[in-house]
Amino acid sequence: MDNLTLWGLFFAVGLGTYLVRLSFIQLHGSTQALLERSKTILMLLPPAILAALCIPAIVFQRPTTEYQLDWIQILAGLVTVLIAHFSRSVFWPVVGGMLCLWLARWLISGNAV
């Protein structure tokens, strides 16, 4: 598959998803009525997506069927959740969680003076 075909595929898929979303808005008549009804659901969406992306990476570290708990990753995940609770940004929880993970690994590995 050459680059032009690949970019054409990206464009077609993006246009298709945009049209699907637009069709739901047009079926309801206005965006304001749709947003008012779905406001509570939309507020719960970012934490649900964050949990769906992060929890498998924290619990399953290597391809296996068993749980493999790494307490450093769990600590970094909890710090991320705490920062996300007080922050309205997506950037700061990610940065804080990664810094906590790297700092804890550095301290435990014995490189700290």
C-alpha atoms as a PDB file:
ATOM      1  CA  MET A   1       0.000   0.000   0.000  1.00  0.00           C
ATOM      2  CA  ASP A   2       1.566   3.286  -1.052  1.00  0.00           C
ATOM      3  CA  ASN A   3       1.428   6.531   0.935  1.00  0.00           C
ATOM      4  CA  LEU A   4      -1.301   8.131  -1.171  1.00  0.00           C
ATOM      5  CA  THR A   5      -3.616   5.159  -0.695  1.00  0.00           C
ATOM      6  CA  LEU A   6      -2.907   5.121   3.049  1.00  0.00           C
ATOM      7  CA  TRP A   7      -3.646   8.850   3.409  1.00  0.00           C
ATOM      8  CA  GLY A   8      -6.784   8.406   1.332  1.00  0.00           C
ATOM      9  CA  LEU A   9      -7.891   5.638   3.692  1.00  0.00           C
ATOM     10  CA  PHE A  10      -7.242   7.861   6.746  1.00  0.00           C
ATOM     11  CA  PHE A  11      -9.226  10.676   5.161  1.00  0.00           C
ATOM     12  CA  ALA A  12     -12.135   8.379   4.225  1.00  0.00           C
ATOM     13  CA  VAL A  13     -12.342   6.856   7.711  1.00  0.00           C
ATOM     14  CA  GLY A  14     -12.138  10.304   9.353  1.00  0.00           C
ATOM     15  CA  LEU A  15     -14.844  11.655   7.082  1.00  0.00           C
ATOM     16  CA  GLY A  16     -17.014   8.608   7.782  1.00  0.00           C
ATOM     17  CA  THR A  17     -16.773   8.995  11.552  1.00  0.00           C
ATOM     18  CA  TYR A  18     -17.471  12.719  11.262  1.00  0.00           C
ATOM     19  CA  LEU A  19     -20.587  12.052   9.181  1.00  0.00           C
ATOM     20  CA  VAL A  20     -21.837   9.438  11.643  1.00  0.00           C
ATOM     21  CA  ARG A  21     -21.496  11.924  14.539  1.00  0.00           C
ATOM     22  CA  LEU A  22     -23.080  14.696  12.469  1.00  0.00           C
ATOM     23  CA  SER A  23     -26.044  12.485  11.602  1.00  0.00           C
ATOM     24  CA  PHE A  24     -26.891  11.977  15.289  1.00  0.00           C
ATOM     25  CA  ILE A  25     -26.741  15.711  15.910  1.00  0.00           C
ATOM     26  CA  GLN A  26     -28.948  16.399  12.897  1.00  0.00           C
ATOM     27  CA  LEU A  27     -31.467  13.747  13.967  1.00  0.00           C
ATOM     28  CA  HIS A  28     -31.951  15.504  17.294  1.00  0.00           C
ATOM     29  CA  GLY A  29     -32.411  18.892  15.666  1.00  0.00           C
ATOM     30  CA  SER A  30     -30.029  20.968  17.719  1.00  0.00           C
ATOM     31  CA  THR A  31     -26.784  20.502  19.544  1.00  0.00           C
ATOM     32  CA  GLN A  32     -27.929  22.366  22.663  1.00  0.00           C
ATOM     33  CA  ALA A  33     -30.755  19.941  23.483  1.00  0.00           C
ATOM     34  CA  LEU A  34     -28.448  16.980  22.865  1.00  0.00           C
ATOM     35  CA  LEU A  35     -25.725  18.392  25.104  1.00  0.00           C
ATOM     36  CA  GLU A  36     -28.118  19.170  27.937  1.00  0.00           C
ATOM     37  CA  ARG A  37     -29.453  15.599  27.978  1.00  0.00           C
ATOM     38  CA  SER A  38     -26.060  13.934  27.741  1.00  0.00           C
ATOM     39  CA  LYS A  39     -24.070  16.253  30.013  1.00  0.00           C
ATOM     40  CA  THR A  40     -23.882  13.824  32.941  1.00  0.00           C
ATOM     41  CA  ILE A  41     -22.818  10.959  30.687  1.00  0.00           C
ATOM     42  CA  LEU A  42     -20.179  13.079  28.995  1.00  0.00           C
ATOM     43  CA  MET A  43     -18.737  14.073  32.389  1.00  0.00           C
ATOM     44  CA  LEU A  44     -18.147  10.403  33.246  1.00  0.00           C
ATOM     45  CA  LEU A  45     -16.487   9.562  29.942  1.00  0.00           C
ATOM     46  CA  PRO A  46     -12.879  10.798  30.546  1.00  0.00           C
ATOM     47  CA  PRO A  47     -12.380   8.856  33.818  1.00  0.00           C
ATOM     48  CA  ALA A  48     -13.826   5.729  32.229  1.00  0.00           C
ATOM     49  CA  ILE A  49     -11.500   5.996  29.235  1.00  0.00           C
ATOM     50  CA  LEU A  50      -8.487   6.693  31.461  1.00  0.00           C
ATOM     51  CA  ALA A  51      -9.274   3.641  33.583  1.00  0.00           C
ATOM     52  CA  ALA A  52      -9.795   1.434  30.526  1.00  0.00           C
ATOM     53  CA  LEU A  53      -6.416   2.473  29.129  1.00  0.00           C
ATOM     54  CA  CYS A  54      -4.360   2.447  32.333  1.00  0.00           C
ATOM     55  CA  ILE A  55      -5.566  -0.440  34.481  1.00  0.00           C
ATOM     56  CA  PRO A  56      -4.633  -3.271  32.059  1.00  0.00           C
ATOM     57  CA  ALA A  57      -1.160  -1.753  31.618  1.00  0.00           C
ATOM     58  CA  ILE A  58      -0.707  -1.565  35.392  1.00  0.00           C
ATOM     59  CA  VAL A  59      -2.004  -5.043  36.221  1.00  0.00           C
ATOM     60  CA  PHE A  60      -0.800  -7.069  33.199  1.00  0.00           C
ATOM     61  CA  GLN A  61       2.812  -6.139  32.539  1.00  0.00           C
ATOM     62  CA  ARG A  62       3.906  -9.133  30.494  1.00  0.00           C
ATOM     63  CA  PRO A  63       1.831 -11.343  28.210  1.00  0.00           C
ATOM     64  CA  THR A  64       0.426 -13.891  30.624  1.00  0.00           C
ATOM     65  CA  THR A  65      -2.840 -14.959  32.167  1.00  0.00           C
ATOM     66  CA  GLU A  66      -1.853 -14.150  35.745  1.00  0.00           C
ATOM     67  CA  TYR A  67      -1.991 -10.882  37.617  1.00  0.00           C
ATOM     68  CA  GLN A  68       1.420  -9.276  38.067  1.00  0.00           C
ATOM     69  CA  LEU A  69       1.229  -6.457  40.553  1.00  0.00           C
ATOM     70  CA  ASP A  70       4.043  -3.932  40.530  1.00  0.00           C
ATOM     71  CA  TRP A  71       3.585  -1.691  43.563  1.00  0.00           C
ATOM     72  CA  ILE A  72       5.558   1.113  41.946  1.00  0.00           C
ATOM     73  CA  GLN A  73       3.107   1.254  39.042  1.00  0.00           C
ATOM     74  CA  ILE A  74       0.148   1.098  41.399  1.00  0.00           C
ATOM     75  CA  LEU A  75       1.615   3.987  43.411  1.00  0.00           C
ATOM     76  CA  ALA A  76       2.135   6.018  40.226  1.00  0.00           C
ATOM     77  CA  GLY A  77      -1.424   5.233  39.159  1.00  0.00           C
ATOM     78  CA  LEU A  78      -2.796   6.430  42.492  1.00  0.00           C
ATOM     79  CA  VAL A  79      -0.757   9.635  42.244  1.00  0.00           C
ATOM     80  CA  THR A  80      -2.162  10.145  38.745  1.00  0.00           C
ATOM     81  CA  VAL A  81      -5.721   9.677  40.004  1.00  0.00           C
ATOM     82  CA  LEU A  82      -5.089  12.120  42.852  1.00  0.00           C
ATOM     83  CA  ILE A  83      -3.689  14.764  40.509  1.00  0.00           C
ATOM     84  CA  ALA A  84      -6.539  14.184  38.033  1.00  0.00           C
ATOM     85  CA  HIS A  85      -9.063  14.691  40.822  1.00  0.00           C
ATOM     86  CA  PHE A  86      -7.761  18.185  41.571  1.00  0.00           C
ATOM     87  CA  SER A  87      -6.753  19.189  38.043  1.00  0.00           C
ATOM     88  CA  ARG A  88      -9.004  20.057  35.133  1.00  0.00           C
ATOM     89  CA  SER A  89      -6.231  19.317  32.666  1.00  0.00           C
ATOM     90  CA  VAL A  90      -5.219  16.050  31.039  1.00  0.00           C
ATOM     91  CA  PHE A  91      -1.554  17.060  30.827  1.00  0.00           C
ATOM     92  CA  TRP A  92      -0.713  17.362  34.534  1.00  0.00           C
ATOM     93  CA  PRO A  93      -1.987  13.942  35.678  1.00  0.00           C
ATOM     94  CA  VAL A  94       0.038  12.239  32.938  1.00  0.00           C
ATOM     95  CA  VAL A  95       3.181  14.230  33.760  1.00  0.00           C
ATOM     96  CA  GLY A  96       2.770  13.753  37.512  1.00  0.00           C
ATOM     97  CA  GLY A  97       2.150  10.029  37.216  1.00  0.00           C
ATOM     98  CA  MET A  98       5.143   9.483  34.948  1.00  0.00           C
ATOM     99  CA  LEU A  99       7.411  11.560  37.199  1.00  0.00           C
ATOM    100  CA  CYS A 100       6.233   9.559  40.214  1.00  0.00           C
ATOM    101  CA  LEU A 101       6.882   6.284  38.364  1.00  0.00           C
ATOM    102  CA  TRP A 102      10.376   7.293  37.245  1.00  0.00           C
ATOM    103  CA  LEU A 103      11.291   8.750  40.635  1.00  0.00           C
ATOM    104  CA  ALA A 104      10.094   5.677  42.537  1.00  0.00           C
ATOM    105  CA  ARG A 105      11.967   3.331  40.186  1.00  0.00           C
ATOM    106  CA  TRP A 106      15.095   5.463  40.504  1.00  0.00           C
ATOM    107  CA  LEU A 107      14.876   5.506  44.308  1.00  0.00           C
ATOM    108  CA  ILE A 108      14.253   1.763  44.585  1.00  0.00           C
ATOM    109  CA  SER A 109      16.956   0.793  42.088  1.00  0.00           C
ATOM    110  CA  GLY A 110      19.574   2.235  44.447  1.00  0.00           C
ATOM    111  CA  ASN A 111      20.798   5.042  42.211  1.00  0.00           C
ATOM    112  CA  ALA A 112      19.711   7.672  44.695  1.00  0.00           C
ATOM    113  CA  VAL A 113      22.460   9.138  46.847  1.00  0.00           C
END
